[in-house]
């Protein structure tokens, strides 16, 4: 997911997206342990998307603190 698209989303949408990605990562890890993973590199992409969301949430938090 592109950072520009994520920056357009609201904070609540980002939190919801992060939760969904974490669930997806859990399922991918479970499949990997069972030897049923279809695309091994997908877990890496999901982890990166989670990191992007966390970074943007932190940017929003810092921007809000600077305005006060």
N, C-alpha and C. Protein backbone atom coordinates (compact mmCIF):
# COMPACT_ATOMS: atom_id res chain seq x y z
N UNK A 1 0.85 -1.17 0.00
CA UNK A 1 0.00 0.00 0.00
C UNK A 1 0.89 1.24 0.00
N UNK A 2 0.55 2.21 -0.79
CA UNK A 2 1.35 3.42 -0.93
C UNK A 2 1.15 4.36 0.26
N UNK A 3 2.23 4.98 0.73
CA UNK A 3 2.11 5.93 1.85
C UNK A 3 1.18 7.10 1.54
N UNK A 4 1.16 7.56 0.30
CA UNK A 4 0.29 8.69 -0.05
C UNK A 4 -1.18 8.32 0.13
N UNK A 5 -1.53 7.08 -0.20
CA UNK A 5 -2.91 6.63 -0.02
C UNK A 5 -3.23 6.52 1.47
N UNK A 6 -2.27 6.06 2.26
CA UNK A 6 -2.48 5.92 3.69
C UNK A 6 -2.65 7.28 4.36
N UNK A 7 -1.91 8.28 3.89
CA UNK A 7 -2.00 9.61 4.49
C UNK A 7 -3.36 10.25 4.25
N UNK A 8 -4.06 9.81 3.24
CA UNK A 8 -5.39 10.35 2.95
C UNK A 8 -6.46 9.76 3.87
N UNK A 9 -6.14 8.64 4.52
CA UNK A 9 -7.11 7.96 5.36
C UNK A 9 -7.20 8.63 6.73
N UNK A 10 -8.34 8.46 7.39
CA UNK A 10 -8.49 9.00 8.74
C UNK A 10 -7.77 8.10 9.74
N UNK A 11 -7.61 8.62 10.95
CA UNK A 11 -6.92 7.85 11.98
C UNK A 11 -7.66 6.55 12.28
N UNK A 12 -8.98 6.62 12.39
CA UNK A 12 -9.77 5.42 12.68
C UNK A 12 -9.64 4.38 11.58
N UNK A 13 -9.62 4.84 10.33
CA UNK A 13 -9.45 3.91 9.21
C UNK A 13 -8.08 3.25 9.24
N UNK A 14 -7.06 4.02 9.63
CA UNK A 14 -5.71 3.46 9.71
C UNK A 14 -5.62 2.40 10.81
N UNK A 15 -6.24 2.69 11.94
CA UNK A 15 -6.23 1.72 13.04
C UNK A 15 -6.94 0.44 12.63
N UNK A 16 -8.05 0.59 11.94
CA UNK A 16 -8.81 -0.57 11.46
C UNK A 16 -7.99 -1.37 10.44
N UNK A 17 -7.34 -0.68 9.54
CA UNK A 17 -6.50 -1.34 8.53
C UNK A 17 -5.34 -2.09 9.19
N UNK A 18 -4.74 -1.47 10.20
CA UNK A 18 -3.64 -2.12 10.91
C UNK A 18 -4.12 -3.41 11.59
N UNK A 19 -5.28 -3.35 12.19
CA UNK A 19 -5.84 -4.53 12.86
C UNK A 19 -6.07 -5.66 11.86
N UNK A 20 -6.61 -5.32 10.70
CA UNK A 20 -6.86 -6.33 9.66
C UNK A 20 -5.55 -6.93 9.15
N UNK A 21 -4.53 -6.08 8.99
CA UNK A 21 -3.23 -6.59 8.52
C UNK A 21 -2.59 -7.50 9.56
N UNK A 22 -2.75 -7.16 10.83
CA UNK A 22 -2.20 -8.01 11.89
C UNK A 22 -2.88 -9.39 11.89
N UNK A 23 -4.19 -9.40 11.66
CA UNK A 23 -4.90 -10.68 11.57
C UNK A 23 -4.42 -11.47 10.36
N UNK A 24 -4.21 -10.79 9.26
CA UNK A 24 -3.72 -11.44 8.05
C UNK A 24 -2.31 -12.01 8.28
N UNK A 25 -1.46 -11.26 8.98
CA UNK A 25 -0.11 -11.73 9.29
C UNK A 25 -0.16 -12.97 10.18
N UNK A 26 -1.07 -12.97 11.14
CA UNK A 26 -1.22 -14.13 12.02
C UNK A 26 -1.59 -15.36 11.19
N UNK A 27 -2.52 -15.21 10.28
CA UNK A 27 -2.94 -16.33 9.43
C UNK A 27 -1.79 -16.81 8.55
N UNK A 28 -1.01 -15.86 8.02
CA UNK A 28 0.13 -16.24 7.19
C UNK A 28 1.18 -17.00 8.00
N UNK A 29 1.40 -16.57 9.23
CA UNK A 29 2.36 -17.28 10.08
C UNK A 29 1.86 -18.68 10.39
N UNK A 30 0.58 -18.80 10.63
CA UNK A 30 -0.01 -20.11 10.92
C UNK A 30 0.14 -21.03 9.71
N UNK A 31 -0.15 -20.51 8.52
CA UNK A 31 0.00 -21.30 7.30
C UNK A 31 1.45 -21.69 7.07
N UNK A 32 2.36 -20.77 7.38
CA UNK A 32 3.78 -21.07 7.20
C UNK A 32 4.23 -22.19 8.13
N UNK A 33 3.75 -22.18 9.35
CA UNK A 33 4.11 -23.23 10.31
C UNK A 33 3.54 -24.57 9.88
N UNK A 34 2.38 -24.54 9.23
CA UNK A 34 1.74 -25.78 8.78
C UNK A 34 2.27 -26.22 7.42
N UNK A 35 3.10 -25.39 6.80
CA UNK A 35 3.65 -25.73 5.49
C UNK A 35 2.68 -25.54 4.35
N UNK A 36 1.70 -24.68 4.53
CA UNK A 36 0.67 -24.49 3.51
C UNK A 36 0.70 -23.10 2.88
N UNK A 37 1.76 -22.35 3.13
CA UNK A 37 1.81 -20.98 2.64
C UNK A 37 1.93 -20.97 1.11
N UNK A 38 1.12 -20.13 0.48
CA UNK A 38 1.12 -20.04 -0.98
C UNK A 38 2.19 -19.07 -1.47
N UNK A 39 2.31 -17.95 -0.80
CA UNK A 39 3.25 -16.92 -1.22
C UNK A 39 4.07 -16.49 0.01
N UNK A 40 5.27 -16.99 0.11
CA UNK A 40 6.09 -16.76 1.30
C UNK A 40 6.47 -15.29 1.46
N UNK A 41 6.58 -14.56 0.38
CA UNK A 41 6.98 -13.16 0.47
C UNK A 41 5.84 -12.24 0.90
N UNK A 42 4.63 -12.75 0.93
CA UNK A 42 3.48 -11.92 1.31
C UNK A 42 3.59 -11.45 2.76
N UNK A 43 4.14 -12.28 3.64
CA UNK A 43 4.27 -11.90 5.05
C UNK A 43 5.18 -10.68 5.18
N UNK A 44 6.23 -10.64 4.38
CA UNK A 44 7.14 -9.50 4.42
C UNK A 44 6.42 -8.21 4.01
N UNK A 45 5.60 -8.29 2.98
CA UNK A 45 4.84 -7.13 2.54
C UNK A 45 3.84 -6.66 3.57
N UNK A 46 3.21 -7.61 4.25
CA UNK A 46 2.23 -7.26 5.28
C UNK A 46 2.94 -6.56 6.44
N UNK A 47 4.10 -7.08 6.83
CA UNK A 47 4.85 -6.44 7.92
C UNK A 47 5.26 -5.02 7.54
N UNK A 48 5.63 -4.83 6.31
CA UNK A 48 6.01 -3.48 5.85
C UNK A 48 4.80 -2.55 5.85
N UNK A 49 3.65 -3.05 5.43
CA UNK A 49 2.44 -2.23 5.45
C UNK A 49 2.07 -1.82 6.88
N UNK A 50 2.22 -2.74 7.82
CA UNK A 50 1.95 -2.43 9.22
C UNK A 50 2.90 -1.33 9.70
N UNK A 51 4.17 -1.45 9.34
CA UNK A 51 5.16 -0.44 9.73
C UNK A 51 4.82 0.92 9.12
N UNK A 52 4.37 0.94 7.87
CA UNK A 52 3.99 2.20 7.23
C UNK A 52 2.83 2.85 7.97
N UNK A 53 1.85 2.05 8.34
CA UNK A 53 0.69 2.59 9.05
C UNK A 53 1.11 3.14 10.40
N UNK A 54 1.96 2.42 11.12
CA UNK A 54 2.42 2.88 12.42
C UNK A 54 3.20 4.19 12.29
N UNK A 55 3.99 4.31 11.25
CA UNK A 55 4.75 5.53 11.01
C UNK A 55 3.82 6.71 10.76
N UNK A 56 2.82 6.51 9.96
CA UNK A 56 1.89 7.60 9.63
C UNK A 56 1.05 7.97 10.85
N UNK A 57 0.66 6.98 11.65
CA UNK A 57 -0.07 7.28 12.88
C UNK A 57 0.80 8.12 13.82
N UNK A 58 2.07 7.79 13.90
CA UNK A 58 2.99 8.55 14.75
C UNK A 58 3.17 9.96 14.21
N UNK A 59 3.26 10.12 12.90
CA UNK A 59 3.36 11.45 12.30
C UNK A 59 2.13 12.29 12.66
N UNK A 60 0.95 11.66 12.59
CA UNK A 60 -0.28 12.36 12.94
C UNK A 60 -0.27 12.79 14.40
N UNK A 61 0.21 11.89 15.25
CA UNK A 61 0.27 12.18 16.68
C UNK A 61 1.20 13.36 16.95
N UNK A 62 2.36 13.36 16.33
CA UNK A 62 3.32 14.45 16.53
C UNK A 62 2.80 15.76 15.95
N UNK A 63 2.14 15.71 14.82
CA UNK A 63 1.58 16.91 14.21
C UNK A 63 0.50 17.51 15.11
N UNK A 64 -0.28 16.64 15.76
CA UNK A 64 -1.32 17.12 16.67
C UNK A 64 -0.75 17.76 17.91
N UNK A 65 0.36 17.24 18.41
CA UNK A 65 1.00 17.79 19.60
C UNK A 65 1.66 19.14 19.31
N UNK A 66 2.16 19.33 18.10
CA UNK A 66 2.81 20.57 17.74
C UNK A 66 1.80 21.71 17.65
N UNK A 67 0.57 21.41 17.30
CA UNK A 67 -0.46 22.44 17.14
C UNK A 67 -0.95 22.98 18.48
N UNK A 68 -0.77 22.23 19.53
CA UNK A 68 -1.29 22.63 20.85
C UNK A 68 -0.43 23.67 21.51
